[in-house]
PDB file of N, CA and C in Angstrom:
ATOM      1  N   MET A   1       0.800  -1.168   0.020  1.00  0.00           N
ATOM      2  CA  MET A   1       0.055   0.034  -0.051  1.00  0.00           C
ATOM      3  C   MET A   1       0.963   1.170   0.112  1.00  0.00           C
ATOM      4  N   PRO A   2       0.745   2.105  -0.937  1.00  0.00           N
ATOM      5  CA  PRO A   2       1.529   3.376  -0.970  1.00  0.00           C
ATOM      6  C   PRO A   2       1.323   4.262   0.068  1.00  0.00           C
ATOM      7  N   PHE A   3       2.236   5.113   0.487  1.00  0.00           N
ATOM      8  CA  PHE A   3       2.098   6.039   1.530  1.00  0.00           C
ATOM      9  C   PHE A   3       1.099   7.183   1.069  1.00  0.00           C
ATOM     10  N   GLN A   4       0.145   7.494   1.886  1.00  0.00           N
ATOM     11  CA  GLN A   4      -0.739   8.588   1.501  1.00  0.00           C
ATOM     12  C   GLN A   4      -0.758   9.565   2.749  1.00  0.00           C
ATOM     13  N   GLU A   5      -0.368  10.835   2.365  1.00  0.00           N
ATOM     14  CA  GLU A   5      -0.385  11.777   3.334  1.00  0.00           C
ATOM     15  C   GLU A   5      -1.721  12.349   3.699  1.00  0.00           C
ATOM     16  N   LYS A   6      -2.143  12.482   4.970  1.00  0.00           N
ATOM     17  CA  LYS A   6      -3.466  13.032   5.268  1.00  0.00           C
ATOM     18  C   LYS A   6      -3.458  14.506   5.144  1.00  0.00           C
ATOM     19  N   ASN A   7      -4.466  14.904   4.801  1.00  0.00           N
ATOM     20  CA  ASN A   7      -4.777  16.445   4.604  1.00  0.00           C
ATOM     21  C   ASN A   7      -5.753  16.773   5.868  1.00  0.00           C
ATOM     22  N   ASN A   8      -5.187  17.369   6.956  1.00  0.00           N
ATOM     23  CA  ASN A   8      -6.032  17.605   8.175  1.00  0.00           C
ATOM     24  C   ASN A   8      -7.125  18.611   7.857  1.00  0.00           C
ATOM     25  N   ALA A   9      -6.906  19.528   6.921  1.00  0.00           N
ATOM     26  CA  ALA A   9      -7.900  20.387   6.641  1.00  0.00           C
ATOM     27  C   ALA A   9      -9.042  19.812   6.080  1.00  0.00           C
ATOM     28  N   LEU A  10      -8.925  18.779   5.302  1.00  0.00           N
ATOM     29  CA  LEU A  10      -9.968  18.036   4.593  1.00  0.00           C
ATOM     30  C   LEU A  10     -10.575  16.937   5.269  1.00  0.00           C
ATOM     31  N   GLU A  11      -9.827  16.569   6.535  1.00  0.00           N
ATOM     32  CA  GLU A  11     -10.371  15.407   7.292  1.00  0.00           C
ATOM     33  C   GLU A  11     -11.742  15.352   7.733  1.00  0.00           C
ATOM     34  N   GLY A  12     -12.187  16.493   8.071  1.00  0.00           N
ATOM     35  CA  GLY A  12     -13.705  16.614   8.516  1.00  0.00           C
ATOM     36  C   GLY A  12     -14.621  17.025   7.373  1.00  0.00           C
ATOM     37  N   ALA A  13     -14.248  17.084   6.152  1.00  0.00           N
ATOM     38  CA  ALA A  13     -14.914  17.638   5.103  1.00  0.00           C
ATOM     39  C   ALA A  13     -16.301  16.839   4.802  1.00  0.00           C
ATOM     40  N   PHE A  14     -16.131  15.502   5.136  1.00  0.00           N
ATOM     41  CA  PHE A  14     -17.289  14.652   4.917  1.00  0.00           C
ATOM     42  C   PHE A  14     -18.081  14.295   6.180  1.00  0.00           C
ATOM     43  N   TYR A  15     -17.871  15.080   7.093  1.00  0.00           N
ATOM     44  CA  TYR A  15     -18.802  14.991   8.465  1.00  0.00           C
ATOM     45  C   TYR A  15     -20.119  15.517   8.081  1.00  0.00           C
ATOM     46  N   SER A  16     -21.165  14.991   8.719  1.00  0.00           N
ATOM     47  CA  SER A  16     -22.439  15.492   8.540  1.00  0.00           C
ATOM     48  C   SER A  16     -22.463  16.829   9.607  1.00  0.00           C
ATOM     49  N   LEU A  17     -23.476  17.553   9.262  1.00  0.00           N
ATOM     50  CA  LEU A  17     -23.723  18.801  10.215  1.00  0.00           C
ATOM     51  C   LEU A  17     -23.781  18.371  11.667  1.00  0.00           C
ATOM     52  N   LYS A  18     -24.513  17.242  12.077  1.00  0.00           N
ATOM     53  CA  LYS A  18     -24.605  16.936  13.505  1.00  0.00           C
ATOM     54  C   LYS A  18     -23.278  16.426  13.951  1.00  0.00           C
ATOM     55  N   LYS A  19     -22.494  15.828  13.217  1.00  0.00           N
ATOM     56  CA  LYS A  19     -21.106  15.345  13.750  1.00  0.00           C
ATOM     57  C   LYS A  19     -20.222  16.479  13.852  1.00  0.00           C
ATOM     58  N   ARG A  20     -20.267  17.431  13.023  1.00  0.00           N
ATOM     59  CA  ARG A  20     -19.467  18.681  13.090  1.00  0.00           C
ATOM     60  C   ARG A  20     -19.778  19.461  14.374  1.00  0.00           C
ATOM     61  N   LEU A  21     -21.168  19.653  14.574  1.00  0.00           N
ATOM     62  CA  LEU A  21     -21.509  20.311  15.835  1.00  0.00           C
ATOM     63  C   LEU A  21     -21.039  19.701  17.151  1.00  0.00           C
ATOM     64  N   LYS A  22     -21.211  18.357  16.995  1.00  0.00           N
ATOM     65  CA  LYS A  22     -20.767  17.429  18.261  1.00  0.00           C
ATOM     66  C   LYS A  22     -19.250  17.587  18.433  1.00  0.00           C
ATOM     67  N   THR A  23     -18.513  17.584  17.432  1.00  0.00           N
ATOM     68  CA  THR A  23     -17.108  17.771  17.569  1.00  0.00           C
ATOM     69  C   THR A  23     -16.663  19.228  18.138  1.00  0.00           C
ATOM     70  N   LEU A  24     -17.398  20.085  17.582  1.00  0.00           N
ATOM     71  CA  LEU A  24     -17.094  21.466  17.976  1.00  0.00           C
ATOM     72  C   LEU A  24     -17.374  21.690  19.418  1.00  0.00           C
ATOM     73  N   ASP A  25     -18.599  21.022  19.862  1.00  0.00           N
ATOM     74  CA  ASP A  25     -19.019  21.162  21.290  1.00  0.00           C
ATOM     75  C   ASP A  25     -17.826  20.326  22.042  1.00  0.00           C
ATOM     76  N   GLU A  26     -17.411  19.284  21.699  1.00  0.00           N
ATOM     77  CA  GLU A  26     -16.384  18.557  22.481  1.00  0.00           C
ATOM     78  C   GLU A  26     -15.038  19.384  22.612  1.00  0.00           C
ATOM     79  N   LEU A  27     -14.666  19.960  21.435  1.00  0.00           N
ATOM     80  CA  LEU A  27     -13.435  20.763  21.353  1.00  0.00           C
ATOM     81  C   LEU A  27     -13.611  21.938  22.448  1.00  0.00           C
ATOM     82  N   TYR A  28     -14.749  22.523  22.380  1.00  0.00           N
ATOM     83  CA  TYR A  28     -14.908  23.758  23.253  1.00  0.00           C
ATOM     84  C   TYR A  28     -14.946  23.284  24.735  1.00  0.00           C
ATOM     85  N   GLN A  29     -15.524  22.194  25.037  1.00  0.00           N
ATOM     86  CA  GLN A  29     -15.492  21.655  26.395  1.00  0.00           C
ATOM     87  C   GLN A  29     -14.087  21.438  26.829  1.00  0.00           C
ATOM     88  N   GLN A  30     -13.364  20.927  25.940  1.00  0.00           N
ATOM     89  CA  GLN A  30     -11.862  20.611  26.333  1.00  0.00           C
ATOM     90  C   GLN A  30     -11.225  21.943  26.539  1.00  0.00           C
ATOM     91  N   TYR A  31     -11.530  22.947  25.673  1.00  0.00           N
ATOM     92  CA  TYR A  31     -10.958  24.303  25.875  1.00  0.00           C
ATOM     93  C   TYR A  31     -11.296  24.782  27.237  1.00  0.00           C
ATOM     94  N   CYS A  32     -12.559  24.695  27.641  1.00  0.00           N
ATOM     95  CA  CYS A  32     -13.008  25.414  28.900  1.00  0.00           C
ATOM     96  C   CYS A  32     -12.286  24.579  30.142  1.00  0.00           C
ATOM     97  N   TRP A  33     -12.087  23.153  29.938  1.00  0.00           N
ATOM     98  CA  TRP A  33     -11.475  22.551  31.026  1.00  0.00           C
ATOM     99  C   TRP A  33      -9.966  22.752  31.063  1.00  0.00           C
ATOM    100  N   LEU A  34      -9.281  23.049  29.944  1.00  0.00           N
ATOM    101  CA  LEU A  34      -7.852  23.289  29.922  1.00  0.00           C
ATOM    102  C   LEU A  34      -7.351  24.686  30.323  1.00  0.00           C
ATOM    103  N   THR A  35      -8.151  25.523  30.003  1.00  0.00           N
ATOM    104  CA  THR A  35      -7.640  27.009  30.097  1.00  0.00           C
ATOM    105  C   THR A  35      -8.216  27.609  31.366  1.00  0.00           C
ATOM    106  N   PRO A  36      -7.329  28.144  32.098  1.00  0.00           N
ATOM    107  CA  PRO A  36      -7.835  28.846  33.373  1.00  0.00           C
ATOM    108  C   PRO A  36      -8.465  30.262  32.994  1.00  0.00           C
ATOM    109  N   HIS A  37      -8.377  30.720  31.687  1.00  0.00           N
ATOM    110  CA  HIS A  37      -8.735  32.072  31.338  1.00  0.00           C
ATOM    111  C   HIS A  37     -10.193  32.041  30.798  1.00  0.00           C
ATOM    112  N   LYS A  38     -10.963  32.890  31.121  1.00  0.00           N
ATOM    113  CA  LYS A  38     -12.310  32.962  30.634  1.00  0.00           C
ATOM    114  C   LYS A  38     -12.272  33.801  29.185  1.00  0.00           C
ATOM    115  N   LEU A  39     -13.181  33.433  28.407  1.00  0.00           N
ATOM    116  CA  LEU A  39     -13.182  33.947  27.113  1.00  0.00           C
ATOM    117  C   LEU A  39     -13.846  35.270  27.325  1.00  0.00           C
ATOM    118  N   LYS A  40     -13.219  36.411  26.954  1.00  0.00           N
ATOM    119  CA  LYS A  40     -13.754  37.807  27.082  1.00  0.00           C
ATOM    120  C   LYS A  40     -13.418  38.524  25.860  1.00  0.00           C
ATOM    121  N   PRO A  41     -14.453  38.535  24.864  1.00  0.00           N
ATOM    122  CA  PRO A  41     -14.093  39.235  23.618  1.00  0.00           C
ATOM    123  C   PRO A  41     -13.834  40.783  23.849  1.00  0.00           C
ATOM    124  N   PHE A  42     -13.003  41.315  22.982  1.00  0.00           N
ATOM    125  CA  PHE A  42     -12.630  42.665  22.993  1.00  0.00           C
ATOM    126  C   PHE A  42     -13.562  43.258  22.034  1.00  0.00           C
ATOM    127  N   VAL A  43     -14.389  44.274  22.528  1.00  0.00           N
ATOM    128  CA  VAL A  43     -15.297  45.042  21.435  1.00  0.00           C
ATOM    129  C   VAL A  43     -15.141  46.543  21.931  1.00  0.00           C
ATOM    130  N   LYS A  44     -14.842  47.238  20.918  1.00  0.00           N
ATOM    131  CA  LYS A  44     -14.754  48.751  21.154  1.00  0.00           C
ATOM    132  C   LYS A  44     -15.334  49.376  20.005  1.00  0.00           C
ATOM    133  N   SER A  45     -16.186  50.487  20.185  1.00  0.00           N
ATOM    134  CA  SER A  45     -16.974  51.096  19.177  1.00  0.00           C
ATOM    135  C   SER A  45     -16.506  52.625  19.248  1.00  0.00           C
ATOM    136  N   PHE A  46     -16.576  53.311  18.093  1.00  0.00           N
ATOM    137  CA  PHE A  46     -16.252  54.684  18.052  1.00  0.00           C
ATOM    138  C   PHE A  46     -17.347  55.350  17.310  1.00  0.00           C
ATOM    139  N   ASN A  47     -17.318  56.816  17.583  1.00  0.00           N
ATOM    140  CA  ASN A  47     -18.377  57.649  16.931  1.00  0.00           C
ATOM    141  C   ASN A  47     -17.857  58.039  15.545  1.00  0.00           C
ATOM    142  N   SER A  48     -16.522  57.927  15.408  1.00  0.00           N
ATOM    143  CA  SER A  48     -15.934  58.257  13.999  1.00  0.00           C
ATOM    144  C   SER A  48     -14.679  57.732  13.815  1.00  0.00           C
ATOM    145  N   ILE A  49     -14.239  57.764  12.566  1.00  0.00           N
ATOM    146  CA  ILE A  49     -12.962  57.201  12.133  1.00  0.00           C
ATOM    147  C   ILE A  49     -11.835  57.971  13.005  1.00  0.00           C
ATOM    148  N   ARG A  50     -12.090  59.303  13.102  1.00  0.00           N
ATOM    149  CA  ARG A  50     -11.103  60.148  13.868  1.00  0.00           C
ATOM    150  C   ARG A  50     -10.961  59.566  15.192  1.00  0.00           C
ATOM    151  N   ASP A  51     -11.950  59.272  15.862  1.00  0.00           N
ATOM    152  CA  ASP A  51     -11.888  58.767  17.241  1.00  0.00           C
ATOM    153  C   ASP A  51     -11.061  57.491  17.283  1.00  0.00           C
ATOM    154  N   TYR A  52     -11.467  56.590  16.305  1.00  0.00           N
ATOM    155  CA  TYR A  52     -10.802  55.384  16.282  1.00  0.00           C
ATOM    156  C   TYR A  52      -9.140  55.578  15.984  1.00  0.00           C
ATOM    157  N   GLU A  53      -8.869  56.463  15.208  1.00  0.00           N
ATOM    158  CA  GLU A  53      -7.440  56.675  14.813  1.00  0.00           C
ATOM    159  C   GLU A  53      -6.720  57.339  16.030  1.00  0.00           C
ATOM    160  N   ALA A  54      -7.414  58.037  16.827  1.00  0.00           N
ATOM    161  CA  ALA A  54      -6.836  58.816  18.040  1.00  0.00           C
ATOM    162  C   ALA A  54      -6.600  57.687  18.917  1.00  0.00           C
ATOM    163  N   TRP A  55      -7.543  56.745  19.129  1.00  0.00           N
ATOM    164  CA  TRP A  55      -7.368  55.560  20.088  1.00  0.00           C
ATOM    165  C   TRP A  55      -6.342  54.722  19.703  1.00  0.00           C
ATOM    166  N   LYS A  56      -6.221  54.453  18.423  1.00  0.00           N
ATOM    167  CA  LYS A  56      -5.171  53.485  17.801  1.00  0.00           C
ATOM    168  C   LYS A  56      -3.766  54.044  18.110  1.00  0.00           C
ATOM    169  N   ARG A  57      -3.596  55.386  17.972  1.00  0.00           N
ATOM    170  CA  ARG A  57      -2.350  55.879  18.104  1.00  0.00           C
ATOM    171  C   ARG A  57      -1.821  55.709  19.589  1.00  0.00           C
ATOM    172  N   LYS A  58      -2.738  55.727  20.547  1.00  0.00           N
ATOM    173  CA  LYS A  58      -2.393  55.730  21.892  1.00  0.00           C
ATOM    174  C   LYS A  58      -1.957  54.214  22.340  1.00  0.00           C
ATOM    175  N   GLN A  59      -2.405  53.228  21.551  1.00  0.00           N
ATOM    176  CA  GLN A  59      -2.139  51.801  21.894  1.00  0.00           C
ATOM    177  C   GLN A  59      -0.746  51.311  21.848  1.00  0.00           C
ATOM    178  N   LYS A  60      -0.328  50.732  22.742  1.00  0.00           N
ATOM    179  CA  LYS A  60       1.053  50.085  22.698  1.00  0.00           C
ATOM    180  C   LYS A  60       1.062  48.618  22.225  1.00  0.00           C
ATOM    181  N   ASN A  61      -0.093  48.118  22.460  1.00  0.00           N
ATOM    182  CA  ASN A  61      -0.263  46.530  22.057  1.00  0.00           C
ATOM    183  C   ASN A  61      -0.881  46.466  20.681  1.00  0.00           C
ATOM    184  N   PRO A  62      -0.176  46.029  19.594  1.00  0.00           N
ATOM    185  CA  PRO A  62      -0.545  46.000  18.317  1.00  0.00           C
ATOM    186  C   PRO A  62      -1.801  44.961  18.116  1.00  0.00           C
ATOM    187  N   TRP A  63      -2.053  44.065  19.153  1.00  0.00           N
ATOM    188  CA  TRP A  63      -3.133  43.212  19.028  1.00  0.00           C
ATOM    189  C   TRP A  63      -4.454  43.828  19.125  1.00  0.00           C
ATOM    190  N   TYR A  64      -4.436  45.052  19.604  1.00  0.00           N
ATOM    191  CA  TYR A  64      -5.753  45.955  19.765  1.00  0.00           C
ATOM    192  C   TYR A  64      -6.206  46.618  18.480  1.00  0.00           C
ATOM    193  N   TRP A  65      -5.326  46.616  17.404  1.00  0.00           N
ATOM    194  CA  TRP A  65      -5.572  47.218  16.228  1.00  0.00           C
ATOM    195  C   TRP A  65      -5.073  46.369  15.155  1.00  0.00           C
TER     196      TRP A  65
END
């Protein structure tokens, strides 16, 4: 039997929707169990582009913009 390389991106391509949701739920439960950090999304809104740009210039952490 010849060597066949698995493509992990396509491994779940043939899963049913039910199987995908089940797998997603299992992965999320593992994440919750493994991480001590709570998921806290960062959401910031601005009244104008100028407000956003002023806020962006003040930031030291590039992950915020």
